[in-house]
Amino acid sequence: MSLEIAIDRVVGGAETPTAVVRLVGELDAANYLEVIDAGRRLYEDGTRRLVLDLSGLTFIASSGLVALHSLILIMAGEAPPDPENGWGAFHSLAHDVSGGPQMAVQLCGVGPAVDRVLARTGMGRLFLVHADRAAALAAG
């Protein structure tokens, strides 16, 4: 199955340039670079906060976790790890998980399958998770 990426630009409660990025399908090695590229384009256009709507995401592979982590770095104005570096991207991710949640990239609509992966890998600690899009946008 492929991945559909839908982007909706909004303004958050604190007037922070915000975009809602809805992912539908499976996030894996075949398409994770598309997610990273979308994040880069949004940042270049002034977006500083992302709400990732994962209500349509049915599967996330390890490469998808790298994409989520890369979005955090991009929204912080940092360069994400080079995806060609393989395990180096995971070492960077493991270091950041210990720091707790950040505010620039928040999740909503996380289904059970994706939630299990986030919990088992510790990635869930990087994100504030909301029930739905409205709650995530209201959180500012």
Protein backbone atom coordinates (compact mmCIF):
# COMPACT_ATOMS: atom_id res chain seq x y z
CA MET A 1 0.00 0.00 0.00
CA SER A 2 1.19 3.49 -0.73
CA LEU A 3 1.18 6.57 1.45
CA GLU A 4 -0.99 9.63 0.89
CA ILE A 5 0.22 12.92 2.36
CA ALA A 6 -2.35 15.70 2.74
CA ILE A 7 -1.25 19.11 4.02
CA ASP A 8 -3.55 21.75 5.48
CA ARG A 9 -1.99 25.04 6.60
CA VAL A 10 -3.59 26.63 9.65
CA VAL A 11 -2.58 29.06 12.38
CA GLY A 12 -2.27 27.64 15.87
CA GLY A 13 -3.64 29.14 19.07
CA ALA A 14 -0.41 31.03 19.71
CA GLU A 15 -0.37 32.36 16.13
CA THR A 16 2.46 29.99 15.30
CA PRO A 17 2.54 29.08 11.60
CA THR A 18 1.14 25.56 11.76
CA ALA A 19 0.41 22.82 9.28
CA VAL A 20 -1.63 19.67 9.73
CA VAL A 21 -0.05 16.79 7.85
CA ARG A 22 -2.36 13.80 7.44
CA LEU A 23 -0.73 10.48 6.61
CA VAL A 24 -2.91 7.77 5.13
CA GLY A 25 -1.63 4.26 4.39
CA GLU A 26 1.70 2.74 5.33
CA LEU A 27 4.82 4.71 6.25
CA ASP A 28 7.86 2.66 5.31
CA ALA A 29 11.13 2.61 3.39
CA ALA A 30 9.31 3.18 0.10
CA ASN A 31 7.97 6.60 1.09
CA TYR A 32 9.54 7.97 4.30
CA LEU A 33 11.73 10.40 2.33
CA GLU A 34 8.54 11.99 0.93
CA VAL A 35 7.46 12.80 4.51
CA ILE A 36 10.85 14.32 5.31
CA ASP A 37 10.79 16.36 2.08
CA ALA A 38 7.28 17.64 2.88
CA GLY A 39 8.54 18.76 6.30
CA ARG A 40 11.49 20.56 4.72
CA ARG A 41 9.24 22.38 2.27
CA LEU A 42 6.86 23.43 5.04
CA TYR A 43 9.73 24.75 7.17
CA GLU A 44 11.17 26.66 4.21
CA ASP A 45 7.73 28.23 3.71
CA GLY A 46 7.59 29.43 7.33
CA THR A 47 5.80 26.61 9.17
CA ARG A 48 7.14 26.16 12.70
CA ARG A 49 4.66 23.68 14.14
CA LEU A 50 3.28 20.43 12.75
CA VAL A 51 0.29 18.42 13.79
CA LEU A 52 0.65 14.93 12.36
CA ASP A 53 -2.78 13.38 11.89
CA LEU A 54 -2.08 9.66 11.97
CA SER A 55 -5.72 8.53 12.02
CA GLY A 56 -5.30 7.02 8.56
CA LEU A 57 -1.87 5.48 9.16
CA THR A 58 -2.17 1.70 9.32
CA PHE A 59 1.51 0.75 9.58
CA ILE A 60 4.81 2.40 10.48
CA ALA A 61 8.21 0.81 9.81
CA SER A 62 11.53 1.77 11.37
CA SER A 63 12.15 4.12 8.45
CA GLY A 64 8.88 5.83 9.34
CA LEU A 65 10.21 6.42 12.84
CA VAL A 66 13.25 8.07 11.29
CA ALA A 67 10.88 10.30 9.29
CA LEU A 68 9.01 11.37 12.44
CA HIS A 69 12.26 12.12 14.24
CA SER A 70 13.53 14.05 11.21
CA LEU A 71 10.41 16.24 11.29
CA ILE A 72 11.19 17.19 14.89
CA LEU A 73 14.71 18.23 13.91
CA ILE A 74 13.51 20.13 10.84
CA MET A 75 10.94 22.11 12.87
CA ALA A 76 13.75 22.98 15.31
CA GLY A 77 15.79 24.40 12.42
CA GLU A 78 18.25 21.50 12.50
CA ALA A 79 19.33 19.16 9.76
CA PRO A 80 17.97 15.63 10.12
CA PRO A 81 20.40 12.71 10.06
CA ASP A 82 21.39 11.52 6.61
CA PRO A 83 19.06 8.61 5.79
CA GLU A 84 21.93 6.95 3.94
CA ASN A 85 23.75 6.70 7.28
CA GLY A 86 21.48 3.82 8.33
CA TRP A 87 21.93 3.04 11.99
CA GLY A 88 23.38 6.50 12.64
CA ALA A 89 19.86 7.89 12.25
CA PHE A 90 18.67 5.53 14.97
CA HIS A 91 21.46 6.49 17.34
CA SER A 92 20.44 10.14 16.97
CA LEU A 93 16.83 9.19 17.59
CA ALA A 94 17.69 7.21 20.74
CA HIS A 95 19.54 10.19 22.20
CA ASP A 96 16.58 12.54 21.68
CA VAL A 97 14.01 10.13 23.17
CA SER A 98 15.63 10.55 26.58
CA GLY A 99 14.86 14.29 26.51
CA GLY A 100 11.08 13.94 26.71
CA PRO A 101 8.33 15.52 24.62
CA GLN A 102 8.87 18.54 22.43
CA MET A 103 6.19 20.96 21.24
CA ALA A 104 6.93 21.59 17.54
CA VAL A 105 5.57 18.28 16.25
CA GLN A 106 2.49 16.83 17.89
CA LEU A 107 0.44 13.78 17.01
CA CYS A 108 -3.27 13.12 16.82
CA GLY A 109 -5.51 10.22 15.88
CA VAL A 110 -2.88 7.59 16.65
CA GLY A 111 -4.37 4.13 16.06
CA PRO A 112 -3.54 1.04 18.10
CA ALA A 113 -1.01 -0.46 15.66
CA VAL A 114 1.03 2.75 15.39
CA ASP A 115 0.65 3.44 19.12
CA ARG A 116 2.20 0.03 19.91
CA VAL A 117 5.24 0.81 17.74
CA LEU A 118 5.68 4.23 19.33
CA ALA A 119 5.39 2.76 22.82
CA ARG A 120 7.69 -0.22 22.21
CA THR A 121 10.41 1.91 20.68
CA GLY A 122 10.16 4.71 23.22
CA MET A 123 9.33 7.19 20.44
CA GLY A 124 6.02 8.01 22.08
CA ARG A 125 7.93 9.98 24.72
CA LEU A 126 8.99 12.51 22.07
CA PHE A 127 5.44 13.60 21.29
CA LEU A 128 2.38 15.12 22.86
CA VAL A 129 -0.46 12.94 21.61
CA HIS A 130 -4.01 14.24 21.20
CA ALA A 131 -7.25 12.42 20.48
CA ASP A 132 -8.00 14.39 17.33
CA ARG A 133 -7.00 17.33 15.17
CA ALA A 134 -9.14 19.87 17.03
CA ALA A 135 -7.56 18.97 20.38
CA ALA A 136 -4.05 19.16 18.90
CA LEU A 137 -4.68 22.59 17.35
CA ALA A 138 -6.24 23.89 20.57
CA ALA A 139 -3.14 22.80 22.50
CA GLY A 140 -1.15 25.48 20.71
